[in-house]
C-alpha atoms as a PDB file:
ATOM      1  CA  MET A   1       0.356  -0.007   0.076  1.00  0.00           C
ATOM      2  CA  LYS A   2       1.448   3.519  -0.391  1.00  0.00           C
ATOM      3  CA  SER A   3       2.256   5.605   2.082  1.00  0.00           C
ATOM      4  CA  ILE A   4       2.117   9.707   2.876  1.00  0.00           C
ATOM      5  CA  THR A   5       5.187  10.972   4.514  1.00  0.00           C
ATOM      6  CA  ILE A   6       4.207  13.766   7.896  1.00  0.00           C
ATOM      7  CA  LYS A   7       5.847  14.966   9.344  1.00  0.00           C
ATOM      8  CA  GLY A   8       6.360  16.811  13.209  1.00  0.00           C
ATOM      9  CA  SER A   9       6.692  17.732  16.254  1.00  0.00           C
ATOM     10  CA  GLN A  10       6.860  16.062  19.381  1.00  0.00           C
ATOM     11  CA  ARG A  11       5.016  17.401  22.008  1.00  0.00           C
ATOM     12  CA  GLU A  12       5.958  18.555  24.832  1.00  0.00           C
ATOM     13  CA  SER A  13       2.803  19.300  26.745  1.00  0.00           C
ATOM     14  CA  VAL A  14      -0.897  18.484  26.151  1.00  0.00           C
ATOM     15  CA  GLY A  15      -2.892  20.234  28.160  1.00  0.00           C
ATOM     16  CA  LYS A  16      -5.729  22.592  26.895  1.00  0.00           C
ATOM     17  CA  VAL A  17      -4.024  25.612  26.142  1.00  0.00           C
ATOM     18  CA  SER A  18      -0.759  24.172  24.075  1.00  0.00           C
ATOM     19  CA  THR A  19      -4.052  22.294  22.158  1.00  0.00           C
ATOM     20  CA  LYS A  20      -5.041  25.433  21.278  1.00  0.00           C
ATOM     21  CA  ALA A  21      -2.161  27.102  20.723  1.00  0.00           C
ATOM     22  CA  LEU A  22      -1.028  24.957  18.319  1.00  0.00           C
ATOM     23  CA  ARG A  23      -4.677  25.210  16.515  1.00  0.00           C
ATOM     24  CA  ASN A  24      -4.243  28.658  16.214  1.00  0.00           C
ATOM     25  CA  ALA A  25      -1.194  28.408  14.587  1.00  0.00           C
ATOM     26  CA  GLY A  26      -2.637  25.861  12.068  1.00  0.00           C
ATOM     27  CA  LYS A  27      -1.238  22.848  13.137  1.00  0.00           C
ATOM     28  CA  VAL A  28      -2.999  19.758  14.273  1.00  0.00           C
ATOM     29  CA  PRO A  29      -2.538  17.589  17.557  1.00  0.00           C
ATOM     30  CA  CYS A  30      -1.499  14.318  16.758  1.00  0.00           C
ATOM     31  CA  VAL A  31      -1.770  11.111  19.346  1.00  0.00           C
ATOM     32  CA  LEU A  32       0.374   7.745  17.608  1.00  0.00           C
ATOM     33  CA  TYR A  33      -0.616   4.310  19.824  1.00  0.00           C
ATOM     34  CA  GLY A  34       0.450   0.692  19.785  1.00  0.00           C
ATOM     35  CA  GLY A  35       3.359   1.931  20.951  1.00  0.00           C
ATOM     36  CA  ASP A  36       4.882   1.165  24.386  1.00  0.00           C
ATOM     37  CA  THR A  37       3.621   4.334  25.162  1.00  0.00           C
ATOM     38  CA  PRO A  38       1.727   7.487  23.646  1.00  0.00           C
ATOM     39  CA  LEU A  39       3.887   9.361  21.704  1.00  0.00           C
ATOM     40  CA  HIS A  40       1.565  12.661  21.017  1.00  0.00           C
ATOM     41  CA  PHE A  41       2.695  15.251  18.735  1.00  0.00           C
ATOM     42  CA  SER A  42       1.848  17.694  15.960  1.00  0.00           C
ATOM     43  CA  ALA A  43       2.084  18.914  12.017  1.00  0.00           C
ATOM     44  CA  ASP A  44       0.893  20.972  10.113  1.00  0.00           C
ATOM     45  CA  GLU A  45      -3.042  20.793   8.780  1.00  0.00           C
ATOM     46  CA  LEU A  46      -2.279  20.412   5.024  1.00  0.00           C
ATOM     47  CA  ALA A  47       0.704  17.494   5.844  1.00  0.00           C
ATOM     48  CA  PHE A  48      -3.020  16.192   6.326  1.00  0.00           C
ATOM     49  CA  ARG A  49      -4.233  16.765   2.915  1.00  0.00           C
ATOM     50  CA  HIS A  50      -3.900  13.730   0.857  1.00  0.00           C
ATOM     51  CA  LEU A  51      -4.318  11.206   3.523  1.00  0.00           C
ATOM     52  CA  VAL A  52      -7.362  12.952   5.019  1.00  0.00           C
ATOM     53  CA  TYR A  53      -9.266  14.544   1.844  1.00  0.00           C
ATOM     54  CA  THR A  54      -9.169  11.629  -0.446  1.00  0.00           C
ATOM     55  CA  PRO A  55     -11.215   8.436  -1.432  1.00  0.00           C
ATOM     56  CA  ASN A  56      -8.086   6.027  -1.384  1.00  0.00           C
ATOM     57  CA  ALA A  57      -6.344   4.667   1.547  1.00  0.00           C
ATOM     58  CA  PHE A  58      -2.941   5.017   2.743  1.00  0.00           C
ATOM     59  CA  THR A  59      -0.956   4.863   5.372  1.00  0.00           C
ATOM     60  CA  ALA A  60       1.422   7.289   7.368  1.00  0.00           C
ATOM     61  CA  VAL A  61       4.975   7.830   7.463  1.00  0.00           C
ATOM     62  CA  ILE A  62       5.454   9.945  10.747  1.00  0.00           C
ATOM     63  CA  GLU A  63       8.879  11.592  10.557  1.00  0.00           C
ATOM     64  CA  LEU A  64       9.711  13.371  13.788  1.00  0.00           C
ATOM     65  CA  GLU A  65      11.799  16.306  14.021  1.00  0.00           C
ATOM     66  CA  ASP A  66      14.427  14.049  16.360  1.00  0.00           C
ATOM     67  CA  GLY A  67      15.019  11.922  14.023  1.00  0.00           C
ATOM     68  CA  GLN A  68      12.034   9.139  15.040  1.00  0.00           C
ATOM     69  CA  LYS A  69      10.247   7.161  12.131  1.00  0.00           C
ATOM     70  CA  PHE A  70       6.522   5.237  12.087  1.00  0.00           C
ATOM     71  CA  ASP A  71       4.371   3.419   9.706  1.00  0.00           C
ATOM     72  CA  ALA A  72       1.078   4.074  11.281  1.00  0.00           C
ATOM     73  CA  VAL A  73      -2.518   3.788  10.122  1.00  0.00           C
ATOM     74  CA  LEU A  74      -4.659   6.247  10.647  1.00  0.00           C
ATOM     75  CA  GLN A  75      -7.182   5.459  13.195  1.00  0.00           C
ATOM     76  CA  ASP A  76      -9.514   8.189  14.446  1.00  0.00           C
ATOM     77  CA  ILE A  77     -10.191  11.926  13.462  1.00  0.00           C
ATOM     78  CA  GLN A  78     -11.951  14.503  14.285  1.00  0.00           C
ATOM     79  CA  PHE A  79     -13.610  18.355  12.476  1.00  0.00           C
ATOM     80  CA  HIS A  80     -14.160  20.981  13.956  1.00  0.00           C
ATOM     81  CA  PRO A  81     -18.497  20.930  13.551  1.00  0.00           C
ATOM     82  CA  VAL A  82     -18.736  24.303  12.054  1.00  0.00           C
ATOM     83  CA  THR A  83     -15.495  25.015   9.660  1.00  0.00           C
ATOM     84  CA  ASP A  84     -14.414  21.437   9.195  1.00  0.00           C
ATOM     85  CA  LYS A  85     -11.350  22.049   9.804  1.00  0.00           C
ATOM     86  CA  ILE A  86      -9.578  19.207  11.141  1.00  0.00           C
ATOM     87  CA  LEU A  87      -8.937  19.268  15.087  1.00  0.00           C
ATOM     88  CA  HIS A  88      -7.192  16.188  16.052  1.00  0.00           C
ATOM     89  CA  ILE A  89      -5.890  12.965  15.106  1.00  0.00           C
ATOM     90  CA  ASP A  90      -4.948   9.476  16.477  1.00  0.00           C
ATOM     91  CA  PHE A  91      -2.796   6.876  14.891  1.00  0.00           C
ATOM     92  CA  TYR A  92      -2.330   3.194  15.624  1.00  0.00           C
ATOM     93  CA  GLN A  93       2.049   2.250  14.719  1.00  0.00           C
ATOM     94  CA  LEU A  94       1.869  -0.678  12.477  1.00  0.00           C
ATOM     95  CA  PHE A  95       4.295  -3.352  12.862  1.00  0.00           C
ATOM     96  CA  LYS A  96       5.279  -6.230  10.477  1.00  0.00           C
ATOM     97  CA  ASP A  97       4.246  -8.937  12.270  1.00  0.00           C
ATOM     98  CA  LYS A  98       1.325  -7.717  13.741  1.00  0.00           C
ATOM     99  CA  PRO A  99      -2.004  -7.577  11.913  1.00  0.00           C
ATOM    100  CA  VAL A 100      -4.455  -4.473  11.832  1.00  0.00           C
ATOM    101  CA  THR A 101      -7.667  -3.254  10.751  1.00  0.00           C
ATOM    102  CA  MET A 102      -8.456  -0.477   7.666  1.00  0.00           C
ATOM    103  CA  ASP A 103     -10.678   0.534   5.172  1.00  0.00           C
ATOM    104  CA  ILE A 104     -10.211  -0.466   1.986  1.00  0.00           C
ATOM    105  CA  PRO A 105     -11.931   1.167  -0.925  1.00  0.00           C
ATOM    106  CA  ILE A 106     -14.137  -0.616  -3.263  1.00  0.00           C
ATOM    107  CA  ARG A 107     -13.102  -0.058  -6.904  1.00  0.00           C
ATOM    108  CA  LEU A 108     -15.574  -1.307  -9.987  1.00  0.00           C
ATOM    109  CA  GLU A 109     -14.412  -1.830 -13.341  1.00  0.00           C
ATOM    110  CA  GLY A 110     -16.467  -3.149 -16.117  1.00  0.00           C
ATOM    111  CA  ASN A 111     -19.922  -2.231 -17.719  1.00  0.00           C
ATOM    112  CA  SER A 112     -23.174  -4.250 -16.247  1.00  0.00           C
ATOM    113  CA  PRO A 113     -25.748  -5.735 -18.654  1.00  0.00           C
ATOM    114  CA  GLY A 114     -28.303  -4.815 -16.016  1.00  0.00           C
ATOM    115  CA  VAL A 115     -27.295  -0.741 -16.293  1.00  0.00           C
ATOM    116  CA  ARG A 116     -27.545  -0.732 -19.888  1.00  0.00           C
ATOM    117  CA  ASN A 117     -30.990  -2.460 -20.166  1.00  0.00           C
ATOM    118  CA  GLY A 118     -32.287   0.620 -17.721  1.00  0.00           C
ATOM    119  CA  GLY A 119     -31.461  -1.078 -13.532  1.00  0.00           C
ATOM    120  CA  ARG A 120     -30.292   1.151 -11.126  1.00  0.00           C
ATOM    121  CA  LEU A 121     -26.799   0.511  -9.987  1.00  0.00           C
ATOM    122  CA  LEU A 122     -26.573  -0.105  -6.238  1.00  0.00           C
ATOM    123  CA  PHE A 123     -23.370   0.869  -4.416  1.00  0.00           C
ATOM    124  CA  ARG A 124     -23.557  -0.714  -1.028  1.00  0.00           C
ATOM    125  CA  LYS A 125     -20.279  -0.710   0.580  1.00  0.00           C
ATOM    126  CA  ARG A 126     -18.038   1.564  -1.164  1.00  0.00           C
ATOM    127  CA  LYS A 127     -15.413   0.639   1.574  1.00  0.00           C
ATOM    128  CA  LEU A 128     -14.512  -2.498   3.371  1.00  0.00           C
ATOM    129  CA  SER A 129     -12.908  -3.289   6.932  1.00  0.00           C
ATOM    130  CA  ILE A 130     -10.226  -5.729   6.529  1.00  0.00           C
ATOM    131  CA  LYS A 131      -7.952  -7.392   8.515  1.00  0.00           C
ATOM    132  CA  SER A 132      -4.075  -8.025   7.342  1.00  0.00           C
ATOM    133  CA  LEU A 133      -0.618  -7.592   7.739  1.00  0.00           C
ATOM    134  CA  PRO A 134       0.567  -3.965   6.934  1.00  0.00           C
ATOM    135  CA  ASP A 135       2.626  -5.875   3.886  1.00  0.00           C
ATOM    136  CA  LEU A 136      -0.496  -7.526   2.566  1.00  0.00           C
ATOM    137  CA  LEU A 137      -2.981  -4.550   2.844  1.00  0.00           C
ATOM    138  CA  PRO A 138      -4.408  -3.230  -0.756  1.00  0.00           C
ATOM    139  CA  ASP A 139      -4.506  -0.282  -2.022  1.00  0.00           C
ATOM    140  CA  PHE A 140      -8.365  -0.851  -3.128  1.00  0.00           C
ATOM    141  CA  ILE A 141     -10.443  -3.879  -3.822  1.00  0.00           C
ATOM    142  CA  THR A 142     -11.449  -4.101  -7.328  1.00  0.00           C
ATOM    143  CA  ILE A 143     -14.991  -5.794  -7.978  1.00  0.00           C
ATOM    144  CA  ASP A 144     -16.003  -6.375 -12.120  1.00  0.00           C
ATOM    145  CA  ILE A 145     -19.332  -6.441 -12.481  1.00  0.00           C
ATOM    146  CA  SER A 146     -19.587  -6.911 -16.501  1.00  0.00           C
ATOM    147  CA  LYS A 147     -21.599 -10.091 -15.241  1.00  0.00           C
ATOM    148  CA  LEU A 148     -24.033  -8.275 -13.057  1.00  0.00           C
ATOM    149  CA  LYS A 149     -27.885  -8.566 -14.454  1.00  0.00           C
ATOM    150  CA  ILE A 150     -30.768  -7.254 -12.806  1.00  0.00           C
ATOM    151  CA  GLY A 151     -31.217  -8.521  -9.787  1.00  0.00           C
ATOM    152  CA  GLY A 152     -27.782  -9.502  -9.893  1.00  0.00           C
ATOM    153  CA  THR A 153     -25.949  -9.025  -6.237  1.00  0.00           C
ATOM    154  CA  ILE A 154     -21.905  -9.479  -5.704  1.00  0.00           C
ATOM    155  CA  ALA A 155     -21.772 -10.324  -1.550  1.00  0.00           C
ATOM    156  CA  VAL A 156     -18.620 -10.062   0.567  1.00  0.00           C
ATOM    157  CA  GLU A 157     -18.326 -14.026  -0.141  1.00  0.00           C
ATOM    158  CA  THR A 158     -17.631 -13.605  -3.477  1.00  0.00           C
ATOM    159  CA  LEU A 159     -14.472 -11.166  -2.401  1.00  0.00           C
ATOM    160  CA  LEU A 160     -12.820 -13.720  -0.280  1.00  0.00           C
ATOM    161  CA  ASN A 161      -8.735 -13.648  -0.621  1.00  0.00           C
ATOM    162  CA  ASP A 162      -5.780 -15.389   1.246  1.00  0.00           C
ATOM    163  CA  ASP A 163      -4.410 -12.161   2.011  1.00  0.00           C
ATOM    164  CA  TYR A 164      -6.576 -10.875   4.482  1.00  0.00           C
ATOM    165  CA  THR A 165     -10.229 -11.671   6.233  1.00  0.00           C
ATOM    166  CA  ILE A 166     -13.055  -9.005   5.577  1.00  0.00           C
ATOM    167  CA  LEU A 167     -15.041  -7.992   8.510  1.00  0.00           C
ATOM    168  CA  HIS A 168     -18.547  -8.510   6.996  1.00  0.00           C
ATOM    169  CA  PRO A 169     -20.548 -11.177   7.125  1.00  0.00           C
ATOM    170  CA  ASP A 170     -20.610 -12.854   3.703  1.00  0.00           C
ATOM    171  CA  SER A 171     -23.685 -12.135   3.147  1.00  0.00           C
ATOM    172  CA  THR A 172     -22.982  -8.585   3.036  1.00  0.00           C
ATOM    173  CA  ALA A 173     -24.299  -7.151  -0.596  1.00  0.00           C
ATOM    174  CA  VAL A 174     -21.347  -4.343  -1.696  1.00  0.00           C
ATOM    175  CA  VAL A 175     -23.182  -3.870  -5.050  1.00  0.00           C
ATOM    176  CA  GLN A 176     -26.101  -4.902  -6.592  1.00  0.00           C
ATOM    177  CA  VAL A 177     -28.253  -4.025  -9.919  1.00  0.00           C
ATOM    178  CA  LYS A 178     -32.519  -3.340  -9.067  1.00  0.00           C
ATOM    179  CA  ALA A 179     -34.774  -3.499 -11.385  1.00  0.00           C
ATOM    180  CA  SER A 180     -36.814   0.856 -12.487  1.00  0.00           C
ATOM    181  CA  ARG A 181     -39.701   1.644 -14.624  1.00  0.00           C
ATOM    182  CA  THR A 182     -38.134   1.584 -17.518  1.00  0.00           C
ATOM    183  CA  SER A 183     -35.693  -1.572 -17.343  1.00  0.00           C
ATOM    184  CA  VAL A 184     -36.340  -4.576 -20.220  1.00  0.00           C
ATOM    185  CA  ASP A 185     -35.170  -8.124 -17.819  1.00  0.00           C
ATOM    186  CA  ASP A 186     -32.246  -9.466 -19.378  1.00  0.00           C
ATOM    187  CA  GLU A 187     -33.865 -12.939 -19.985  1.00  0.00           C
ATOM    188  CA  GLU A 188     -36.414 -10.911 -21.353  1.00  0.00           C
ATOM    189  CA  GLU A 189     -34.058  -9.389 -23.609  1.00  0.00           C
ATOM    190  CA  GLU A 190     -32.612 -12.721 -24.796  1.00  0.00           C
ATOM    191  CA  GLU A 191     -35.598 -14.430 -25.627  1.00  0.00           C
ATOM    192  CA  ILE A 192     -36.806 -11.569 -27.728  1.00  0.00           C
ATOM    193  CA  GLU A 193     -33.382 -11.510 -29.051  1.00  0.00           C
ATOM    194  CA  GLY A 194     -34.116 -15.220 -30.071  1.00  0.00           C
ATOM    195  CA  GLU A 195     -37.205 -14.717 -31.361  1.00  0.00           C
ATOM    196  CA  GLU A 196     -36.226 -11.483 -33.996  1.00  0.00           C
ATOM    197  CA  GLY A 197     -33.163 -14.535 -35.041  1.00  0.00           C
ATOM    198  CA  THR A 198     -35.682 -17.283 -35.857  1.00  0.00           C
ATOM    199  CA  GLU A 199     -38.503 -14.727 -37.626  1.00  0.00           C
ATOM    200  CA  ALA A 200     -35.043 -13.084 -39.609  1.00  0.00           C
ATOM    201  CA  THR A 201     -34.328 -17.112 -40.641  1.00  0.00           C
ATOM    202  CA  ALA A 202     -37.727 -17.739 -41.535  1.00  0.00           C
ATOM    203  CA  ALA A 203     -37.977 -14.849 -43.506  1.00  0.00           C
ATOM    204  CA  GLU A 204     -35.184 -15.708 -45.280  1.00  0.00           C
ATOM    205  CA  GLY A 205     -36.248 -19.292 -46.386  1.00  0.00           C
ATOM    206  CA  GLY A 206     -39.607 -18.564 -46.704  1.00  0.00           C
ATOM    207  CA  ASP A 207     -39.775 -19.460 -49.777  1.00  0.00           C
ATOM    208  CA  ALA A 208     -37.889 -22.886 -51.120  1.00  0.00           C
ATOM    209  CA  PRO A 209     -40.324 -25.236 -48.415  1.00  0.00           C
ATOM    210  CA  ALA A 210     -42.702 -23.964 -50.774  1.00  0.00           C
ATOM    211  CA  ALA A 211     -40.563 -24.091 -54.192  1.00  0.00           C
ATOM    212  CA  GLU A 212     -40.191 -27.382 -53.413  1.00  0.00           C
ATOM    213  CA  ALA A 213     -44.023 -28.335 -52.724  1.00  0.00           C
ATOM    214  CA  GLU A 214     -44.249 -27.131 -56.218  1.00  0.00           C
ATOM    215  CA  ALA A 215     -41.607 -29.074 -57.922  1.00  0.00           C
ATOM    216  CA  THR A 216     -42.726 -32.428 -55.720  1.00  0.00           C
ATOM    217  CA  GLU A 217     -46.197 -31.963 -56.788  1.00  0.00           C
END
């Protein structure tokens, strides 16, 4: 999985006064969990724009001024209720031999025949929570919808992978195609095409049997 580097400074004070001062200076107070003790640090708000304001999943490399580096994933984030400014971020430290839980985005590929026939595509789960070793975390999970007809559903049970565990019931619907008022049933369309093909064949060769009959008489 791709990573984004966050350059920050370790916080000496974690009280309300110092936290407010950091925010006024355009910095975000953060905490890194998962190690022996929580690590408090801060970084410029702009440093998080590609980590937070994106539909993609990334890990973070936290670089502190004293030279310390930590691989981590974003665990929790708090926004201001009015301005949407980032107020606080919690990170969780990654270790190569320790599984981690993370939300991974879904990417659809292909064209659904059900949608072409007027059905409605329902994207039920745009992200899935998975558990995996850090080195096996995917950037996204790809779903092929090129065979998804009206009434069809792609569930979690079809996406199982040896590299990670999906933390949703197997029956959880990820993407579906539902019928609409203007939709044509896929099987009905195939039958119509088949009938048209039969009629066309009969029309092309309809005179031949009659000619043979006349010759026999």
